[in-house]
N, C-alpha and C. Protein backbone atom coordinates (compact mmCIF):
# COMPACT_ATOMS: atom_id res chain seq x y z
N MET A 1 117.84 155.60 93.34
CA MET A 1 117.65 156.96 93.81
C MET A 1 118.00 157.90 92.67
N SER A 2 117.18 158.84 92.46
CA SER A 2 117.39 159.80 91.38
C SER A 2 117.30 161.20 91.95
N GLY A 3 118.15 162.08 91.45
CA GLY A 3 118.13 163.45 91.92
C GLY A 3 117.09 164.30 91.23
N GLY A 4 116.51 163.81 90.12
CA GLY A 4 115.51 164.58 89.40
C GLY A 4 116.14 165.63 88.51
N ARG A 5 116.54 166.74 89.09
CA ARG A 5 117.20 167.79 88.32
C ARG A 5 118.61 167.35 87.94
N PHE A 6 119.09 167.86 86.81
CA PHE A 6 120.41 167.47 86.33
C PHE A 6 121.52 167.82 87.32
N ASP A 7 121.44 169.00 87.95
CA ASP A 7 122.49 169.37 88.91
C ASP A 7 122.50 168.42 90.10
N HIS A 8 121.34 167.91 90.48
CA HIS A 8 121.28 166.92 91.56
C HIS A 8 121.89 165.59 91.11
N GLU A 9 121.62 165.20 89.87
CA GLU A 9 122.21 163.97 89.32
C GLU A 9 123.73 164.07 89.35
N MET A 10 124.27 165.21 88.94
CA MET A 10 125.72 165.39 88.96
C MET A 10 126.26 165.36 90.38
N GLY A 11 125.51 165.91 91.31
CA GLY A 11 125.90 165.85 92.72
C GLY A 11 125.95 164.41 93.22
N LEU A 12 125.01 163.58 92.79
CA LEU A 12 125.01 162.17 93.18
C LEU A 12 126.20 161.43 92.57
N ILE A 13 126.56 161.77 91.35
CA ILE A 13 127.72 161.15 90.72
C ILE A 13 128.99 161.55 91.48
N LYS A 14 129.09 162.80 91.89
CA LYS A 14 130.24 163.22 92.70
C LYS A 14 130.27 162.45 94.02
N THR A 15 129.11 162.21 94.60
CA THR A 15 129.04 161.43 95.84
C THR A 15 129.56 160.01 95.62
N LEU A 16 129.22 159.39 94.48
CA LEU A 16 129.77 158.07 94.16
C LEU A 16 131.30 158.13 94.14
N TYR A 17 131.84 159.15 93.52
CA TYR A 17 133.28 159.32 93.40
C TYR A 17 133.93 159.50 94.78
N GLU A 18 133.36 160.34 95.60
CA GLU A 18 133.91 160.60 96.94
C GLU A 18 133.74 159.38 97.85
N ALA A 19 132.65 158.65 97.72
CA ALA A 19 132.39 157.49 98.57
C ALA A 19 133.41 156.38 98.37
N LYS A 20 134.00 156.29 97.17
CA LYS A 20 135.02 155.27 96.90
C LYS A 20 136.21 155.43 97.85
N LYS A 21 136.45 156.63 98.34
CA LYS A 21 137.56 156.88 99.26
C LYS A 21 137.23 156.41 100.68
N LEU A 22 135.93 156.21 100.96
CA LEU A 22 135.49 155.91 102.32
C LEU A 22 135.10 154.46 102.56
N THR A 23 134.69 153.76 101.50
CA THR A 23 134.17 152.41 101.69
C THR A 23 134.43 151.55 100.46
N ASN A 24 134.49 150.26 100.69
CA ASN A 24 134.59 149.30 99.58
C ASN A 24 133.23 148.72 99.22
N ILE A 25 132.20 149.15 99.93
CA ILE A 25 130.85 148.67 99.65
C ILE A 25 130.39 149.26 98.32
N PRO A 26 129.95 148.43 97.38
CA PRO A 26 129.47 148.95 96.09
C PRO A 26 128.25 149.84 96.28
N LEU A 27 128.29 151.02 95.71
CA LEU A 27 127.17 151.94 95.76
C LEU A 27 126.57 152.09 94.37
N LEU A 28 125.25 152.10 94.31
CA LEU A 28 124.54 152.19 93.04
C LEU A 28 123.61 153.39 93.07
N LEU A 29 123.48 154.05 91.93
CA LEU A 29 122.44 155.05 91.73
C LEU A 29 121.37 154.38 90.89
N VAL A 30 120.16 154.33 91.40
CA VAL A 30 119.07 153.67 90.70
C VAL A 30 117.99 154.70 90.40
N SER A 31 117.64 154.82 89.13
CA SER A 31 116.57 155.73 88.72
C SER A 31 115.40 154.90 88.20
N GLU A 32 114.44 155.55 87.60
CA GLU A 32 113.28 154.84 87.07
C GLU A 32 113.63 153.89 85.94
N CYS A 33 114.75 154.13 85.26
CA CYS A 33 115.06 153.29 84.09
C CYS A 33 116.52 152.88 83.97
N SER A 34 117.37 153.21 84.97
CA SER A 34 118.77 152.82 84.85
C SER A 34 119.42 152.63 86.21
N VAL A 35 120.52 151.89 86.17
CA VAL A 35 121.37 151.72 87.35
C VAL A 35 122.76 152.19 86.94
N THR A 36 123.41 152.95 87.83
CA THR A 36 124.69 153.56 87.53
C THR A 36 125.64 153.32 88.69
N PHE A 37 126.89 152.99 88.36
CA PHE A 37 127.90 152.84 89.40
C PHE A 37 129.26 153.21 88.86
N LEU A 38 130.18 153.46 89.78
CA LEU A 38 131.52 153.91 89.43
C LEU A 38 132.48 152.73 89.49
N LEU A 39 133.20 152.52 88.40
CA LEU A 39 134.22 151.48 88.34
C LEU A 39 135.57 152.10 88.68
N ASP A 40 136.30 151.46 89.59
CA ASP A 40 137.66 151.90 89.88
C ASP A 40 138.58 151.53 88.73
N GLU A 41 139.76 152.08 88.74
CA GLU A 41 140.81 151.67 87.81
C GLU A 41 141.02 150.17 87.96
N GLY A 42 141.11 149.46 86.83
CA GLY A 42 141.34 148.02 86.88
C GLY A 42 140.44 147.25 85.94
N GLU A 43 140.29 145.95 86.22
CA GLU A 43 139.49 145.06 85.38
C GLU A 43 138.19 144.70 86.09
N HIS A 44 137.10 144.68 85.32
CA HIS A 44 135.77 144.44 85.89
C HIS A 44 134.99 143.49 85.00
N THR A 45 134.24 142.60 85.64
CA THR A 45 133.32 141.72 84.93
C THR A 45 131.92 142.04 85.44
N ILE A 46 131.03 142.40 84.53
CA ILE A 46 129.66 142.75 84.88
C ILE A 46 128.74 141.69 84.31
N HIS A 47 127.96 141.05 85.18
CA HIS A 47 127.01 140.02 84.76
C HIS A 47 125.68 140.70 84.47
N ALA A 48 125.32 140.74 83.21
CA ALA A 48 124.11 141.44 82.76
C ALA A 48 123.10 140.41 82.27
N SER A 49 122.73 139.50 83.15
CA SER A 49 121.81 138.43 82.74
C SER A 49 120.72 138.20 83.78
N THR A 50 120.22 139.29 84.35
CA THR A 50 119.20 139.17 85.39
C THR A 50 117.80 139.05 84.82
N GLY A 51 117.63 139.42 83.56
CA GLY A 51 116.30 139.48 82.97
C GLY A 51 115.69 140.87 83.08
N TYR A 52 116.27 141.73 83.91
CA TYR A 52 115.76 143.09 84.08
C TYR A 52 116.44 144.09 83.16
N GLU A 53 117.63 143.74 82.67
CA GLU A 53 118.38 144.71 81.89
C GLU A 53 117.76 144.90 80.51
N ALA A 54 117.88 146.11 80.02
CA ALA A 54 117.47 146.42 78.65
C ALA A 54 118.75 146.46 77.82
N GLN A 55 118.73 147.08 76.68
CA GLN A 55 119.87 147.02 75.77
C GLN A 55 120.95 148.07 76.02
N HIS A 56 120.59 149.26 76.43
CA HIS A 56 121.53 150.38 76.40
C HIS A 56 122.43 150.46 77.62
N VAL A 57 123.70 150.77 77.35
CA VAL A 57 124.68 151.02 78.40
C VAL A 57 125.50 152.25 78.02
N GLY A 58 126.13 152.84 79.01
CA GLY A 58 127.01 153.97 78.76
C GLY A 58 128.27 153.85 79.59
N LEU A 59 129.37 154.33 79.05
CA LEU A 59 130.66 154.38 79.73
C LEU A 59 131.12 155.83 79.69
N ILE A 60 131.24 156.44 80.86
CA ILE A 60 131.50 157.87 80.92
C ILE A 60 132.70 158.13 81.83
N PRO A 61 133.75 158.78 81.31
CA PRO A 61 134.91 159.07 82.15
C PRO A 61 134.57 160.10 83.22
N VAL A 62 135.21 159.97 84.36
CA VAL A 62 134.99 160.90 85.46
C VAL A 62 136.26 161.72 85.64
N GLY A 63 136.19 162.98 85.27
CA GLY A 63 137.34 163.86 85.46
C GLY A 63 138.31 163.82 84.30
N GLN A 64 139.23 162.88 84.33
CA GLN A 64 140.31 162.81 83.35
C GLN A 64 139.99 161.82 82.25
N PRO A 65 140.66 161.94 81.10
CA PRO A 65 140.51 160.94 80.04
C PRO A 65 140.84 159.54 80.57
N CYS A 66 140.18 158.55 80.02
CA CYS A 66 140.29 157.18 80.50
C CYS A 66 140.54 156.23 79.34
N GLN A 67 141.55 155.37 79.46
CA GLN A 67 141.81 154.33 78.47
C GLN A 67 140.93 153.13 78.82
N VAL A 68 140.17 152.63 77.84
CA VAL A 68 139.17 151.60 78.11
C VAL A 68 139.24 150.49 77.07
N THR A 69 139.15 149.25 77.56
CA THR A 69 139.00 148.07 76.71
C THR A 69 137.74 147.36 77.17
N THR A 70 136.89 146.94 76.22
CA THR A 70 135.65 146.24 76.58
C THR A 70 135.43 145.03 75.68
N THR A 71 134.65 144.09 76.19
CA THR A 71 134.06 143.02 75.38
C THR A 71 132.62 142.86 75.85
N GLY A 72 131.78 142.33 74.99
CA GLY A 72 130.38 142.11 75.34
C GLY A 72 129.44 143.22 74.93
N LEU A 73 129.97 144.25 74.28
CA LEU A 73 129.15 145.38 73.84
C LEU A 73 129.11 145.44 72.32
N GLN A 74 128.12 146.12 71.79
CA GLN A 74 128.02 146.25 70.34
C GLN A 74 129.22 147.02 69.78
N TRP A 75 129.61 148.10 70.46
CA TRP A 75 130.74 148.90 70.03
C TRP A 75 131.84 148.80 71.09
N ASN A 76 132.63 147.74 71.01
CA ASN A 76 133.70 147.52 71.97
C ASN A 76 134.84 148.49 71.73
N LEU A 77 135.59 148.70 72.77
CA LEU A 77 136.78 149.55 72.71
C LEU A 77 138.01 148.69 72.91
N ASP A 78 139.07 149.00 72.19
CA ASP A 78 140.35 148.31 72.34
C ASP A 78 141.39 149.35 72.74
N ASN A 79 141.49 149.57 74.04
CA ASN A 79 142.38 150.60 74.59
C ASN A 79 142.04 151.98 74.01
N GLY A 80 140.75 152.21 73.82
CA GLY A 80 140.29 153.50 73.33
C GLY A 80 140.25 154.54 74.43
N THR A 81 140.33 155.79 74.05
CA THR A 81 140.30 156.88 75.01
C THR A 81 138.90 157.47 75.08
N LEU A 82 138.34 157.50 76.28
CA LEU A 82 137.07 158.19 76.52
C LEU A 82 137.39 159.49 77.23
N SER A 83 136.80 160.58 76.73
CA SER A 83 137.09 161.90 77.26
C SER A 83 135.99 162.86 76.81
N PHE A 84 135.70 163.86 77.64
CA PHE A 84 134.74 164.87 77.23
C PHE A 84 135.29 165.74 76.10
N ASP A 85 136.60 165.69 75.87
CA ASP A 85 137.20 166.40 74.74
C ASP A 85 137.07 165.63 73.43
N ASP A 86 136.67 164.35 73.51
CA ASP A 86 136.67 163.50 72.32
C ASP A 86 135.43 162.61 72.31
N ILE A 87 135.54 161.39 72.79
CA ILE A 87 134.45 160.42 72.71
C ILE A 87 133.96 160.04 74.11
N VAL A 88 132.65 159.98 74.27
CA VAL A 88 132.01 159.41 75.45
C VAL A 88 131.10 158.31 74.92
N SER A 89 131.18 157.13 75.50
CA SER A 89 130.42 155.98 74.99
C SER A 89 129.02 155.96 75.57
N THR A 90 128.11 156.68 74.93
CA THR A 90 126.71 156.64 75.32
C THR A 90 125.93 155.87 74.26
N SER A 91 124.80 155.34 74.63
CA SER A 91 123.93 154.58 73.72
C SER A 91 124.63 153.37 73.11
N ASN A 92 125.57 152.78 73.86
CA ASN A 92 126.14 151.51 73.45
C ASN A 92 125.10 150.44 73.78
N ARG A 93 125.33 149.21 73.36
CA ARG A 93 124.35 148.15 73.58
C ARG A 93 125.00 146.88 74.08
N LEU A 94 124.27 146.18 74.95
CA LEU A 94 124.71 144.87 75.42
C LEU A 94 124.58 143.86 74.30
N LEU A 95 125.61 143.05 74.10
CA LEU A 95 125.53 141.93 73.17
C LEU A 95 125.62 140.60 73.89
N ASP A 96 126.30 140.57 75.03
CA ASP A 96 126.52 139.35 75.78
C ASP A 96 126.00 139.50 77.20
N GLU A 97 125.86 138.36 77.88
CA GLU A 97 125.42 138.38 79.27
C GLU A 97 126.53 138.81 80.22
N ILE A 98 127.76 138.74 79.75
CA ILE A 98 128.90 139.17 80.56
C ILE A 98 129.64 140.27 79.80
N VAL A 99 129.87 141.38 80.49
CA VAL A 99 130.60 142.51 79.92
C VAL A 99 131.92 142.64 80.69
N TYR A 100 133.00 142.71 79.95
CA TYR A 100 134.33 142.90 80.54
C TYR A 100 134.77 144.33 80.25
N ILE A 101 135.26 144.99 81.29
CA ILE A 101 135.75 146.37 81.15
C ILE A 101 137.08 146.50 81.87
N LYS A 102 138.05 147.04 81.16
CA LYS A 102 139.34 147.38 81.76
C LYS A 102 139.53 148.88 81.58
N CYS A 103 139.83 149.59 82.67
CA CYS A 103 140.00 151.04 82.59
C CYS A 103 141.19 151.47 83.45
N ASN A 104 141.82 152.55 83.05
CA ASN A 104 142.99 153.03 83.79
C ASN A 104 142.67 154.18 84.74
N ARG A 105 141.42 154.60 84.78
CA ARG A 105 140.95 155.64 85.69
C ARG A 105 139.49 155.34 86.04
N PRO A 106 138.94 156.03 87.04
CA PRO A 106 137.53 155.79 87.35
C PRO A 106 136.64 156.02 86.13
N LEU A 107 135.64 155.15 86.01
CA LEU A 107 134.75 155.16 84.85
C LEU A 107 133.33 154.91 85.33
N LEU A 108 132.42 155.76 84.91
CA LEU A 108 131.01 155.59 85.25
C LEU A 108 130.37 154.61 84.28
N PHE A 109 129.70 153.59 84.83
CA PHE A 109 128.99 152.61 84.01
C PHE A 109 127.50 152.77 84.30
N THR A 110 126.72 152.93 83.26
CA THR A 110 125.27 153.04 83.43
C THR A 110 124.59 152.05 82.51
N MET A 111 123.54 151.41 83.02
CA MET A 111 122.84 150.38 82.27
C MET A 111 121.33 150.58 82.42
N GLU A 112 120.66 150.56 81.31
CA GLU A 112 119.20 150.68 81.29
C GLU A 112 118.59 149.37 81.79
N TYR A 113 117.46 149.48 82.49
CA TYR A 113 116.71 148.27 82.83
C TYR A 113 115.24 148.48 82.51
N LYS A 114 114.54 147.36 82.43
CA LYS A 114 113.12 147.39 82.08
C LYS A 114 112.32 147.68 83.34
N ASN A 115 111.89 148.91 83.50
CA ASN A 115 111.19 149.27 84.72
C ASN A 115 109.80 148.66 84.81
N ASP A 116 109.24 148.20 83.70
CA ASP A 116 107.93 147.55 83.76
C ASP A 116 108.01 146.20 84.47
N MET A 117 109.21 145.62 84.56
CA MET A 117 109.37 144.36 85.27
C MET A 117 109.50 144.58 86.77
N ILE A 118 109.81 145.79 87.18
CA ILE A 118 109.99 146.11 88.59
C ILE A 118 108.64 146.42 89.24
N ASN A 119 107.78 147.11 88.52
CA ASN A 119 106.49 147.55 89.09
C ASN A 119 105.53 146.41 89.30
């Protein structure tokens, strides 16, 4: 699902954030070329070996700065800080089929997929 306009996209991201308080069911935002979801504070393993994924991923802090450690990406972080005041990890790339992410605050994860395989 895509909001189309940027303000709608931001509204959908806020909905992801608010929905975490109401349910444990994983919620995804799916657009024509990406899937996005919110990671809670903690450790996460993402299996990126469906055949649909493309190369690009992004890690975007929600609200406050976030300490992040990753493996499986071209530009891994080792307890690095992601913040709108400093660095936001956009245009990173998948290197492995499994991506490990540890974060101390909510973190938005977005991954490009090959939409020509869906149609």
